[in-house]
Amino acid sequence: MAADAPAKFGRPDLLPDLGVKQHDGLHFWQFMVAGSIAGLVEHTAMFPVDTLKTRMQAGSPPCQPPLGLRQVLRGILATEGPLGLYRGVGAMSLGAGPAHAVYFSVYELSKESLSRGNPNNPFAHAASGVLATVASDAVFTPMDTVKQRLQLKSSPYKGVADCVTRVLRGEGIRAFFASYKTTVLMNAPYTAVHFATYEAAKRGLMEISPESASDERVVVHATAGAAAGALAAALTTPLDVVKTQLQCQGVCGCDRFSSSSTGEVIRAIIRRDGYAGLLRGWKPRMLFHAPAAAICWSTYEATKSFFQDLNDQK
């Protein structure tokens, strides 16, 4: 990787100059493009697993036991066919690209600023991940709400436009952000654990075999990303259940809550399903995030390498 170069900001400028080189020898816009590509590849590849997770977490009809992963999969394939696993993928595509562009560019800028020349600072990696998720969740949450409502069994919406229009008319724009606080509460620790684990695992794997690190960097990034994604997903499943129920409330028989309070939703889930209800969907969540993180990080780092080579040639 190219030597780190400090970011330079003009005093009167509030936003970074898109043409100025940032660290890793890349421009700011190149981080955004790399992040956008990584997000789209990750979410498209793993979308069927995300659909299974959403169905499991949204809740079962009254007086019926919660469905398991295999039951949900068989049910979708039997009644909706394979395409049922991709319902809502359009909303995901509209949100994932811009959100990941913000996510990775904010992370890179924050990491460079907070690390203060120490590339092995886990606090800087964790704090940068938190700042990245606060910014990106503001972009992604509205489309994530649309995506999850489209993923529900017997969803009443015909598509992205129909869902957006009907939610705006019936519930107002606040409905798109009902889960934002919970999403940030979930993703802040998720990204803190994820980025710190990823950077540490990547560094450890490269130290094991430094002579072949450059030749095996895709494997290193994928392995470190999978480990980081699995650990972070397991620790934050309860908050992901809360987020899903807030986004899908009142649709297809899902409970409706009097407020978007995380505590209220947690208490309602425990009263209805016990503490096990907070762990619903943990299997597909880990099955999603481990390979998704591997795909995302390897795609992101590969795109960064492409831009680095391109800049070096210039």
C-alpha atoms as a PDB file:
ATOM      1  CA  MET A   1       0.000   0.000   0.000  1.00  0.00           C
ATOM      2  CA  ALA A   2       1.168   3.521  -0.678  1.00  0.00           C
ATOM      3  CA  ALA A   3       2.591   5.551   2.152  1.00  0.00           C
ATOM      4  CA  ASP A   4       0.038   7.546   4.095  1.00  0.00           C
ATOM      5  CA  ALA A   5      -0.279  11.161   3.055  1.00  0.00           C
ATOM      6  CA  PRO A   6      -2.048  13.591   5.408  1.00  0.00           C
ATOM      7  CA  ALA A   7      -5.306  15.033   4.176  1.00  0.00           C
ATOM      8  CA  LYS A   8      -5.186  18.767   3.425  1.00  0.00           C
ATOM      9  CA  PHE A   9      -8.203  20.939   3.908  1.00  0.00           C
ATOM     10  CA  GLY A  10      -8.404  24.607   3.015  1.00  0.00           C
ATOM     11  CA  ARG A  11      -9.390  26.731   6.011  1.00  0.00           C
ATOM     12  CA  PRO A  12     -12.519  28.218   4.391  1.00  0.00           C
ATOM     13  CA  ASP A  13     -13.716  24.861   3.050  1.00  0.00           C
ATOM     14  CA  LEU A  14     -16.282  22.874   4.991  1.00  0.00           C
ATOM     15  CA  LEU A  15     -16.006  19.811   2.758  1.00  0.00           C
ATOM     16  CA  PRO A  16     -12.851  18.024   1.591  1.00  0.00           C
ATOM     17  CA  ASP A  17     -11.572  18.827  -1.890  1.00  0.00           C
ATOM     18  CA  LEU A  18     -12.547  15.854  -4.017  1.00  0.00           C
ATOM     19  CA  GLY A  19      -9.334  16.165  -6.018  1.00  0.00           C
ATOM     20  CA  VAL A  20      -6.896  16.201  -3.100  1.00  0.00           C
ATOM     21  CA  LYS A  21      -5.097  12.962  -2.295  1.00  0.00           C
ATOM     22  CA  GLN A  22      -6.082  11.368   1.008  1.00  0.00           C
ATOM     23  CA  HIS A  23      -4.147   8.628   2.795  1.00  0.00           C
ATOM     24  CA  ASP A  24      -3.387   5.372   0.930  1.00  0.00           C
ATOM     25  CA  GLY A  25      -2.642   7.600  -2.068  1.00  0.00           C
ATOM     26  CA  LEU A  26      -6.323   7.856  -3.052  1.00  0.00           C
ATOM     27  CA  HIS A  27      -8.671  10.749  -3.716  1.00  0.00           C
ATOM     28  CA  PHE A  28     -11.754  11.229  -1.564  1.00  0.00           C
ATOM     29  CA  TRP A  29     -14.071  10.353  -4.471  1.00  0.00           C
ATOM     30  CA  GLN A  30     -12.183   7.089  -5.007  1.00  0.00           C
ATOM     31  CA  PHE A  31     -12.997   5.959  -1.471  1.00  0.00           C
ATOM     32  CA  MET A  32     -16.653   6.755  -2.190  1.00  0.00           C
ATOM     33  CA  VAL A  33     -16.681   4.774  -5.441  1.00  0.00           C
ATOM     34  CA  ALA A  34     -14.885   1.813  -3.835  1.00  0.00           C
ATOM     35  CA  GLY A  35     -17.336   1.819  -0.917  1.00  0.00           C
ATOM     36  CA  SER A  36     -20.354   2.074  -3.199  1.00  0.00           C
ATOM     37  CA  ILE A  37     -19.206  -0.880  -5.329  1.00  0.00           C
ATOM     38  CA  ALA A  38     -18.430  -2.957  -2.232  1.00  0.00           C
ATOM     39  CA  GLY A  39     -21.848  -2.253  -0.713  1.00  0.00           C
ATOM     40  CA  LEU A  40     -23.776  -3.152  -3.858  1.00  0.00           C
ATOM     41  CA  VAL A  41     -21.827  -6.391  -4.407  1.00  0.00           C
ATOM     42  CA  GLU A  42     -22.171  -7.409  -0.750  1.00  0.00           C
ATOM     43  CA  HIS A  43     -25.915  -6.780  -0.369  1.00  0.00           C
ATOM     44  CA  THR A  44     -26.885  -8.188  -3.765  1.00  0.00           C
ATOM     45  CA  ALA A  45     -24.948 -11.408  -3.175  1.00  0.00           C
ATOM     46  CA  MET A  46     -26.391 -11.910   0.318  1.00  0.00           C
ATOM     47  CA  PHE A  47     -29.917 -10.566  -0.208  1.00  0.00           C
ATOM     48  CA  PRO A  48     -31.733 -13.951   0.018  1.00  0.00           C
ATOM     49  CA  VAL A  49     -30.242 -14.549   3.486  1.00  0.00           C
ATOM     50  CA  ASP A  50     -31.317 -11.049   4.534  1.00  0.00           C
ATOM     51  CA  THR A  51     -34.872 -11.855   3.433  1.00  0.00           C
ATOM     52  CA  LEU A  52     -34.895 -14.976   5.624  1.00  0.00           C
ATOM     53  CA  LYS A  53     -33.633 -12.950   8.600  1.00  0.00           C
ATOM     54  CA  THR A  54     -36.308 -10.287   8.127  1.00  0.00           C
ATOM     55  CA  ARG A  55     -39.119 -12.868   7.946  1.00  0.00           C
ATOM     56  CA  MET A  56     -37.888 -14.548  11.143  1.00  0.00           C
ATOM     57  CA  GLN A  57     -37.430 -11.313  13.079  1.00  0.00           C
ATOM     58  CA  ALA A  58     -40.676  -9.615  12.066  1.00  0.00           C
ATOM     59  CA  GLY A  59     -42.616 -12.000  14.301  1.00  0.00           C
ATOM     60  CA  SER A  60     -45.064 -14.896  13.921  1.00  0.00           C
ATOM     61  CA  PRO A  61     -48.858 -14.609  13.827  1.00  0.00           C
ATOM     62  CA  PRO A  62     -50.531 -14.729  17.271  1.00  0.00           C
ATOM     63  CA  CYS A  63     -50.777 -18.158  18.915  1.00  0.00           C
ATOM     64  CA  GLN A  64     -48.295 -19.673  16.477  1.00  0.00           C
ATOM     65  CA  PRO A  65     -44.750 -20.762  17.372  1.00  0.00           C
ATOM     66  CA  PRO A  66     -41.822 -18.887  15.802  1.00  0.00           C
ATOM     67  CA  LEU A  67     -40.661 -20.351  12.502  1.00  0.00           C
ATOM     68  CA  GLY A  68     -37.163 -21.750  12.068  1.00  0.00           C
ATOM     69  CA  LEU A  69     -34.727 -20.974   9.269  1.00  0.00           C
ATOM     70  CA  ARG A  70     -35.593 -24.068   7.192  1.00  0.00           C
ATOM     71  CA  GLN A  71     -39.338 -23.541   7.630  1.00  0.00           C
ATOM     72  CA  VAL A  72     -39.100 -19.945   6.436  1.00  0.00           C
ATOM     73  CA  LEU A  73     -36.989 -20.933   3.424  1.00  0.00           C
ATOM     74  CA  ARG A  74     -39.335 -23.759   2.432  1.00  0.00           C
ATOM     75  CA  GLY A  75     -42.353 -21.490   2.859  1.00  0.00           C
ATOM     76  CA  ILE A  76     -40.938 -18.792   0.581  1.00  0.00           C
ATOM     77  CA  LEU A  77     -39.910 -21.261  -2.118  1.00  0.00           C
ATOM     78  CA  ALA A  78     -43.276 -23.054  -1.997  1.00  0.00           C
ATOM     79  CA  THR A  79     -45.520 -19.972  -2.152  1.00  0.00           C
ATOM     80  CA  GLU A  80     -43.415 -17.334  -3.911  1.00  0.00           C
ATOM     81  CA  GLY A  81     -40.697 -19.219  -5.733  1.00  0.00           C
ATOM     82  CA  PRO A  82     -36.996 -18.274  -5.809  1.00  0.00           C
ATOM     83  CA  LEU A  83     -37.825 -14.683  -6.782  1.00  0.00           C
ATOM     84  CA  GLY A  84     -39.522 -14.265  -3.399  1.00  0.00           C
ATOM     85  CA  LEU A  85     -36.061 -14.243  -1.842  1.00  0.00           C
ATOM     86  CA  TYR A  86     -35.235 -11.112  -3.860  1.00  0.00           C
ATOM     87  CA  ARG A  87     -38.349  -9.056  -3.161  1.00  0.00           C
ATOM     88  CA  GLY A  88     -37.157  -5.595  -2.115  1.00  0.00           C
ATOM     89  CA  VAL A  89     -33.765  -5.840  -3.828  1.00  0.00           C
ATOM     90  CA  GLY A  90     -34.521  -2.629  -5.756  1.00  0.00           C
ATOM     91  CA  ALA A  91     -34.888  -0.622  -2.543  1.00  0.00           C
ATOM     92  CA  MET A  92     -31.654  -2.134  -1.266  1.00  0.00           C
ATOM     93  CA  SER A  93     -29.823  -1.113  -4.434  1.00  0.00           C
ATOM     94  CA  LEU A  94     -31.054   2.476  -4.151  1.00  0.00           C
ATOM     95  CA  GLY A  95     -29.869   2.732  -0.563  1.00  0.00           C
ATOM     96  CA  ALA A  96     -26.762   0.535  -0.318  1.00  0.00           C
ATOM     97  CA  GLY A  97     -24.634   2.308  -2.915  1.00  0.00           C
ATOM     98  CA  PRO A  98     -24.877   5.860  -1.512  1.00  0.00           C
ATOM     99  CA  ALA A  99     -24.835   4.632   2.101  1.00  0.00           C
ATOM    100  CA  HIS A 100     -21.645   2.608   1.647  1.00  0.00           C
ATOM    101  CA  ALA A 101     -20.015   5.477  -0.237  1.00  0.00           C
ATOM    102  CA  VAL A 102     -20.612   7.628   2.848  1.00  0.00           C
ATOM    103  CA  TYR A 103     -19.704   4.748   5.180  1.00  0.00           C
ATOM    104  CA  PHE A 104     -16.232   4.014   3.839  1.00  0.00           C
ATOM    105  CA  SER A 105     -15.238   7.577   2.970  1.00  0.00           C
ATOM    106  CA  VAL A 106     -16.125   8.814   6.476  1.00  0.00           C
ATOM    107  CA  TYR A 107     -14.279   5.831   7.945  1.00  0.00           C
ATOM    108  CA  GLU A 108     -11.119   6.506   5.952  1.00  0.00           C
ATOM    109  CA  LEU A 109     -11.132  10.224   6.756  1.00  0.00           C
ATOM    110  CA  SER A 110     -11.800   9.595  10.458  1.00  0.00           C
ATOM    111  CA  LYS A 111      -9.173   6.851  10.689  1.00  0.00           C
ATOM    112  CA  GLU A 112      -6.538   9.113   9.172  1.00  0.00           C
ATOM    113  CA  SER A 113      -7.471  11.953  11.505  1.00  0.00           C
ATOM    114  CA  LEU A 114      -7.810   9.937  14.726  1.00  0.00           C
ATOM    115  CA  SER A 115      -4.895   7.505  14.308  1.00  0.00           C
ATOM    116  CA  ARG A 116      -2.349  10.362  14.447  1.00  0.00           C
ATOM    117  CA  GLY A 117       0.247   8.425  12.508  1.00  0.00           C
ATOM    118  CA  ASN A 118      -0.319   5.129  14.377  1.00  0.00           C
ATOM    119  CA  PRO A 119      -1.932   2.648  11.921  1.00  0.00           C
ATOM    120  CA  ASN A 120      -2.397   0.044  14.697  1.00  0.00           C
ATOM    121  CA  ASN A 121      -4.602   2.156  16.967  1.00  0.00           C
ATOM    122  CA  PRO A 122      -7.729   0.056  17.753  1.00  0.00           C
ATOM    123  CA  PHE A 123      -9.473   3.008  19.438  1.00  0.00           C
ATOM    124  CA  ALA A 124      -9.127   5.055  16.248  1.00  0.00           C
ATOM    125  CA  HIS A 125     -10.520   2.172  14.175  1.00  0.00           C
ATOM    126  CA  ALA A 126     -13.491   1.671  16.526  1.00  0.00           C
ATOM    127  CA  ALA A 127     -14.273   5.392  16.828  1.00  0.00           C
ATOM    128  CA  SER A 128     -13.994   5.842  13.056  1.00  0.00           C
ATOM    129  CA  GLY A 129     -16.445   2.985  12.550  1.00  0.00           C
ATOM    130  CA  VAL A 130     -18.963   4.629  14.897  1.00  0.00           C
ATOM    131  CA  LEU A 131     -18.713   7.975  13.070  1.00  0.00           C
ATOM    132  CA  ALA A 132     -19.110   6.169   9.747  1.00  0.00           C
ATOM    133  CA  THR A 133     -22.278   4.372  10.802  1.00  0.00           C
ATOM    134  CA  VAL A 134     -23.949   7.490  12.220  1.00  0.00           C
ATOM    135  CA  ALA A 135     -23.501   9.185   8.833  1.00  0.00           C
ATOM    136  CA  SER A 136     -24.342   6.219   6.592  1.00  0.00           C
ATOM    137  CA  ASP A 137     -27.407   5.104   8.588  1.00  0.00           C
ATOM    138  CA  ALA A 138     -29.004   8.503   7.990  1.00  0.00           C
ATOM    139  CA  VAL A 139     -28.741   7.731   4.253  1.00  0.00           C
ATOM    140  CA  PHE A 140     -29.696   4.035   4.344  1.00  0.00           C
ATOM    141  CA  THR A 141     -32.472   3.841   6.985  1.00  0.00           C
ATOM    142  CA  PRO A 142     -35.351   5.113   4.781  1.00  0.00           C
ATOM    143  CA  MET A 143     -34.607   2.614   1.996  1.00  0.00           C
ATOM    144  CA  ASP A 144     -33.961  -0.114   4.560  1.00  0.00           C
ATOM    145  CA  THR A 145     -37.467   0.466   5.908  1.00  0.00           C
ATOM    146  CA  VAL A 146     -38.904   0.099   2.403  1.00  0.00           C
ATOM    147  CA  LYS A 147     -36.792  -3.006   1.766  1.00  0.00           C
ATOM    148  CA  GLN A 148     -37.930  -4.752   4.943  1.00  0.00           C
ATOM    149  CA  ARG A 149     -41.602  -4.023   4.324  1.00  0.00           C
ATOM    150  CA  LEU A 150     -41.306  -5.454   0.817  1.00  0.00           C
ATOM    151  CA  GLN A 151     -39.586  -8.559   2.215  1.00  0.00           C
ATOM    152  CA  LEU A 152     -42.507  -9.457   4.492  1.00  0.00           C
ATOM    153  CA  LYS A 153     -44.765 -12.392   3.697  1.00  0.00           C
ATOM    154  CA  SER A 154     -47.894 -11.184   1.860  1.00  0.00           C
ATOM    155  CA  SER A 155     -46.475  -7.654   1.696  1.00  0.00           C
ATOM    156  CA  PRO A 156     -49.269  -5.263   0.601  1.00  0.00           C
ATOM    157  CA  TYR A 157     -46.916  -3.129  -1.492  1.00  0.00           C
ATOM    158  CA  LYS A 158     -46.442  -3.553  -5.243  1.00  0.00           C
ATOM    159  CA  GLY A 159     -42.911  -2.166  -5.324  1.00  0.00           C
ATOM    160  CA  VAL A 160     -40.556   0.540  -4.111  1.00  0.00           C
ATOM    161  CA  ALA A 161     -42.544   3.503  -5.466  1.00  0.00           C
ATOM    162  CA  ASP A 162     -45.859   2.135  -4.174  1.00  0.00           C
ATOM    163  CA  CYS A 163     -44.385   1.509  -0.715  1.00  0.00           C
ATOM    164  CA  VAL A 164     -42.826   4.981  -0.476  1.00  0.00           C
ATOM    165  CA  THR A 165     -46.051   6.677  -1.616  1.00  0.00           C
ATOM    166  CA  ARG A 166     -48.346   4.754   0.721  1.00  0.00           C
ATOM    167  CA  VAL A 167     -46.095   5.144   3.754  1.00  0.00           C
ATOM    168  CA  LEU A 168     -45.803   8.897   3.159  1.00  0.00           C
ATOM    169  CA  ARG A 169     -49.590   9.235   2.828  1.00  0.00           C
ATOM    170  CA  GLY A 170     -50.534   6.970   5.706  1.00  0.00           C
ATOM    171  CA  GLU A 171     -47.735   7.418   8.242  1.00  0.00           C
ATOM    172  CA  GLY A 172     -45.708  10.452   7.199  1.00  0.00           C
ATOM    173  CA  ILE A 173     -41.995  10.847   6.629  1.00  0.00           C
ATOM    174  CA  ARG A 174     -41.204   9.997  10.271  1.00  0.00           C
ATOM    175  CA  ALA A 175     -42.088   6.360   9.565  1.00  0.00           C
ATOM    176  CA  PHE A 176     -38.966   6.067   7.403  1.00  0.00           C
ATOM    177  CA  PHE A 177     -36.797   7.109  10.345  1.00  0.00           C
ATOM    178  CA  ALA A 178     -38.658   5.327  13.169  1.00  0.00           C
ATOM    179  CA  SER A 179     -35.797   2.863  13.565  1.00  0.00           C
ATOM    180  CA  TYR A 180     -32.928   5.335  13.086  1.00  0.00           C
ATOM    181  CA  LYS A 181     -32.035   5.638  16.776  1.00  0.00           C
ATOM    182  CA  THR A 182     -32.182   1.868  17.232  1.00  0.00           C
ATOM    183  CA  THR A 183     -30.191   1.345  14.030  1.00  0.00           C
ATOM    184  CA  VAL A 184     -27.438   3.651  15.277  1.00  0.00           C
ATOM    185  CA  LEU A 185     -27.543   2.014  18.737  1.00  0.00           C
ATOM    186  CA  MET A 186     -27.081  -1.347  17.002  1.00  0.00           C
ATOM    187  CA  ASN A 187     -24.585  -0.332  14.340  1.00  0.00           C
ATOM    188  CA  ALA A 188     -22.384   1.794  16.597  1.00  0.00           C
ATOM    189  CA  PRO A 189     -21.190  -1.204  18.661  1.00  0.00           C
ATOM    190  CA  TYR A 190     -21.400  -3.402  15.549  1.00  0.00           C
ATOM    191  CA  THR A 191     -19.019  -1.216  13.575  1.00  0.00           C
ATOM    192  CA  ALA A 192     -16.784  -0.553  16.577  1.00  0.00           C
ATOM    193  CA  VAL A 193     -16.301  -4.320  17.029  1.00  0.00           C
ATOM    194  CA  HIS A 194     -16.252  -4.936  13.276  1.00  0.00           C
ATOM    195  CA  PHE A 195     -13.594  -2.417  12.276  1.00  0.00           C
ATOM    196  CA  ALA A 196     -11.367  -3.033  15.292  1.00  0.00           C
ATOM    197  CA  THR A 197     -11.571  -6.808  14.734  1.00  0.00           C
ATOM    198  CA  TYR A 198     -11.009  -6.463  10.983  1.00  0.00           C
ATOM    199  CA  GLU A 199      -7.917  -4.272  11.318  1.00  0.00           C
ATOM    200  CA  ALA A 200      -6.460  -6.493  14.062  1.00  0.00           C
ATOM    201  CA  ALA A 201      -7.204  -9.741  12.175  1.00  0.00           C
ATOM    202  CA  LYS A 202      -5.802  -8.341   8.928  1.00  0.00           C
ATOM    203  CA  ARG A 203      -2.623  -7.212  10.681  1.00  0.00           C
ATOM    204  CA  GLY A 204      -2.267 -10.578  12.431  1.00  0.00           C
ATOM    205  CA  LEU A 205      -2.773 -12.575   9.245  1.00  0.00           C
ATOM    206  CA  MET A 206      -0.241 -10.469   7.360  1.00  0.00           C
ATOM    207  CA  GLU A 207       2.313 -10.905  10.160  1.00  0.00           C
ATOM    208  CA  ILE A 208       1.971 -14.701   9.968  1.00  0.00           C
ATOM    209  CA  SER A 209       3.308 -14.747   6.426  1.00  0.00           C
ATOM    210  CA  PRO A 210       4.636 -11.263   5.557  1.00  0.00           C
ATOM    211  CA  GLU A 211       6.582 -12.454   2.514  1.00  0.00           C
ATOM    212  CA  SER A 212       3.384 -13.594   0.765  1.00  0.00           C
ATOM    213  CA  ALA A 213       1.024 -10.978   2.193  1.00  0.00           C
ATOM    214  CA  SER A 214       0.794  -9.023  -1.059  1.00  0.00           C
ATOM    215  CA  ASP A 215       0.106 -12.164  -3.102  1.00  0.00           C
ATOM    216  CA  GLU A 216      -2.600 -13.381  -0.734  1.00  0.00           C
ATOM    217  CA  ARG A 217      -4.173 -10.055   0.174  1.00  0.00           C
ATOM    218  CA  VAL A 218      -7.628 -11.006  -1.160  1.00  0.00           C
ATOM    219  CA  VAL A 219      -7.649 -14.077   1.102  1.00  0.00           C
ATOM    220  CA  VAL A 220      -6.402 -11.969   4.024  1.00  0.00           C
ATOM    221  CA  HIS A 221      -9.103  -9.319   3.550  1.00  0.00           C
ATOM    222  CA  ALA A 222     -11.842 -11.925   3.105  1.00  0.00           C
ATOM    223  CA  THR A 223     -10.798 -13.958   6.169  1.00  0.00           C
ATOM    224  CA  ALA A 224     -10.418 -10.911   8.397  1.00  0.00           C
ATOM    225  CA  GLY A 225     -13.733  -9.518   7.162  1.00  0.00           C
ATOM    226  CA  ALA A 226     -15.586 -12.788   7.791  1.00  0.00           C
ATOM    227  CA  ALA A 227     -14.249 -13.012  11.354  1.00  0.00           C
ATOM    228  CA  ALA A 228     -15.162  -9.393  12.061  1.00  0.00           C
ATOM    229  CA  GLY A 229     -18.631  -9.719  10.556  1.00  0.00           C
ATOM    230  CA  ALA A 230     -19.520 -12.909  12.431  1.00  0.00           C
ATOM    231  CA  LEU A 231     -18.413 -11.596  15.829  1.00  0.00           C
ATOM    232  CA  ALA A 232     -20.087  -8.209  15.463  1.00  0.00           C
ATOM    233  CA  ALA A 233     -23.329  -9.768  14.148  1.00  0.00           C
ATOM    234  CA  ALA A 234     -23.602 -12.212  17.040  1.00  0.00           C
ATOM    235  CA  LEU A 235     -23.203  -9.463  19.652  1.00  0.00           C
ATOM    236  CA  THR A 236     -25.795  -7.109  18.165  1.00  0.00           C
ATOM    237  CA  THR A 237     -28.641  -9.483  17.180  1.00  0.00           C
ATOM    238  CA  PRO A 238     -31.092  -8.275  19.900  1.00  0.00           C
ATOM    239  CA  LEU A 239     -30.949  -4.698  18.623  1.00  0.00           C
ATOM    240  CA  ASP A 240     -31.372  -5.927  15.051  1.00  0.00           C
ATOM    241  CA  VAL A 241     -34.616  -7.663  16.107  1.00  0.00           C
ATOM    242  CA  VAL A 242     -35.841  -4.363  17.599  1.00  0.00           C
ATOM    243  CA  LYS A 243     -34.911  -2.491  14.419  1.00  0.00           C
ATOM    244  CA  THR A 244     -36.799  -4.937  12.205  1.00  0.00           C
ATOM    245  CA  GLN A 245     -39.949  -4.788  14.338  1.00  0.00           C
ATOM    246  CA  LEU A 246     -39.917  -0.995  14.371  1.00  0.00           C
ATOM    247  CA  GLN A 247     -39.553  -0.847  10.595  1.00  0.00           C
ATOM    248  CA  CYS A 248     -42.295  -3.410   9.940  1.00  0.00           C
ATOM    249  CA  GLN A 249     -44.775  -2.395  12.655  1.00  0.00           C
ATOM    250  CA  GLY A 250     -48.409  -2.503  11.640  1.00  0.00           C
ATOM    251  CA  VAL A 251     -47.705  -4.380   8.389  1.00  0.00           C
ATOM    252  CA  CYS A 252     -48.797  -8.002   7.730  1.00  0.00           C
ATOM    253  CA  GLY A 253     -49.883  -8.520  11.343  1.00  0.00           C
ATOM    254  CA  CYS A 254     -46.701  -7.147  12.945  1.00  0.00           C
ATOM    255  CA  ASP A 255     -47.175  -5.429  16.311  1.00  0.00           C
ATOM    256  CA  ARG A 256     -47.487  -1.639  16.384  1.00  0.00           C
ATOM    257  CA  PHE A 257     -45.716   0.314  19.120  1.00  0.00           C
ATOM    258  CA  SER A 258     -46.814   3.552  20.753  1.00  0.00           C
ATOM    259  CA  SER A 259     -43.322   5.029  20.371  1.00  0.00           C
ATOM    260  CA  SER A 260     -39.971   4.258  18.770  1.00  0.00           C
ATOM    261  CA  SER A 261     -38.403   3.654  22.189  1.00  0.00           C
ATOM    262  CA  THR A 262     -35.930   0.780  22.061  1.00  0.00           C
ATOM    263  CA  GLY A 263     -36.703  -0.125  25.674  1.00  0.00           C
ATOM    264  CA  GLU A 264     -40.443  -0.368  24.996  1.00  0.00           C
ATOM    265  CA  VAL A 265     -39.928  -2.686  22.034  1.00  0.00           C
ATOM    266  CA  ILE A 266     -37.522  -4.886  24.004  1.00  0.00           C
ATOM    267  CA  ARG A 267     -40.052  -5.233  26.848  1.00  0.00           C
ATOM    268  CA  ALA A 268     -42.831  -6.062  24.361  1.00  0.00           C
ATOM    269  CA  ILE A 269     -40.721  -8.769  22.724  1.00  0.00           C
ATOM    270  CA  ILE A 270     -39.817 -10.309  26.094  1.00  0.00           C
ATOM    271  CA  ARG A 271     -43.489 -10.315  27.210  1.00  0.00           C
ATOM    272  CA  ARG A 272     -44.563 -12.007  23.990  1.00  0.00           C
ATOM    273  CA  ASP A 273     -41.686 -14.379  23.183  1.00  0.00           C
ATOM    274  CA  GLY A 274     -39.432 -14.383  26.241  1.00  0.00           C
ATOM    275  CA  TYR A 275     -35.738 -13.551  26.089  1.00  0.00           C
ATOM    276  CA  ALA A 276     -35.327 -16.010  23.196  1.00  0.00           C
ATOM    277  CA  GLY A 277     -37.316 -13.569  21.061  1.00  0.00           C
ATOM    278  CA  LEU A 278     -34.397 -11.127  21.189  1.00  0.00           C
ATOM    279  CA  LEU A 279     -32.170 -13.709  19.504  1.00  0.00           C
ATOM    280  CA  ARG A 280     -34.589 -14.573  16.713  1.00  0.00           C
ATOM    281  CA  GLY A 281     -32.830 -14.664  13.363  1.00  0.00           C
ATOM    282  CA  TRP A 282     -29.295 -14.915  14.786  1.00  0.00           C
ATOM    283  CA  LYS A 283     -28.409 -17.809  12.479  1.00  0.00           C
ATOM    284  CA  PRO A 284     -29.262 -16.080   9.187  1.00  0.00           C
ATOM    285  CA  ARG A 285     -27.788 -12.844  10.599  1.00  0.00           C
ATOM    286  CA  MET A 286     -24.422 -14.535  11.137  1.00  0.00           C
ATOM    287  CA  LEU A 287     -24.805 -16.442   7.863  1.00  0.00           C
ATOM    288  CA  PHE A 288     -25.339 -13.044   6.248  1.00  0.00           C
ATOM    289  CA  HIS A 289     -22.665 -10.945   7.911  1.00  0.00           C
ATOM    290  CA  ALA A 290     -19.710 -13.352   7.859  1.00  0.00           C
ATOM    291  CA  PRO A 291     -19.642 -13.889   4.068  1.00  0.00           C
ATOM    292  CA  ALA A 292     -21.076 -10.400   3.442  1.00  0.00           C
ATOM    293  CA  ALA A 293     -18.188  -8.779   5.304  1.00  0.00           C
ATOM    294  CA  ALA A 294     -15.731 -11.035   3.475  1.00  0.00           C
ATOM    295  CA  ILE A 295     -17.232 -10.007   0.119  1.00  0.00           C
ATOM    296  CA  CYS A 296     -17.462  -6.345   1.092  1.00  0.00           C
ATOM    297  CA  TRP A 297     -13.901  -5.959   2.413  1.00  0.00           C
ATOM    298  CA  SER A 298     -12.256  -7.938  -0.372  1.00  0.00           C
ATOM    299  CA  THR A 299     -14.210  -5.959  -3.007  1.00  0.00           C
ATOM    300  CA  TYR A 300     -13.425  -2.665  -1.278  1.00  0.00           C
ATOM    301  CA  GLU A 301      -9.707  -3.384  -0.919  1.00  0.00           C
ATOM    302  CA  ALA A 302      -9.502  -4.703  -4.500  1.00  0.00           C
ATOM    303  CA  THR A 303     -11.135  -1.520  -5.816  1.00  0.00           C
ATOM    304  CA  LYS A 304      -8.754   0.580  -3.701  1.00  0.00           C
ATOM    305  CA  SER A 305      -5.797  -1.350  -5.170  1.00  0.00           C
ATOM    306  CA  PHE A 306      -7.125  -0.679  -8.672  1.00  0.00           C
ATOM    307  CA  PHE A 307      -7.286   3.064  -7.960  1.00  0.00           C
ATOM    308  CA  GLN A 308      -3.829   3.002  -6.334  1.00  0.00           C
ATOM    309  CA  ASP A 309      -2.325   1.396  -9.452  1.00  0.00           C
ATOM    310  CA  LEU A 310      -4.187   3.862 -11.635  1.00  0.00           C
ATOM    311  CA  ASN A 311      -2.891   6.830  -9.621  1.00  0.00           C
ATOM    312  CA  ASP A 312       0.663   5.457  -9.644  1.00  0.00           C
ATOM    313  CA  GLN A 313       0.579   5.158 -13.431  1.00  0.00           C
ATOM    314  CA  LYS A 314      -0.443   8.793 -13.686  1.00  0.00           C
END
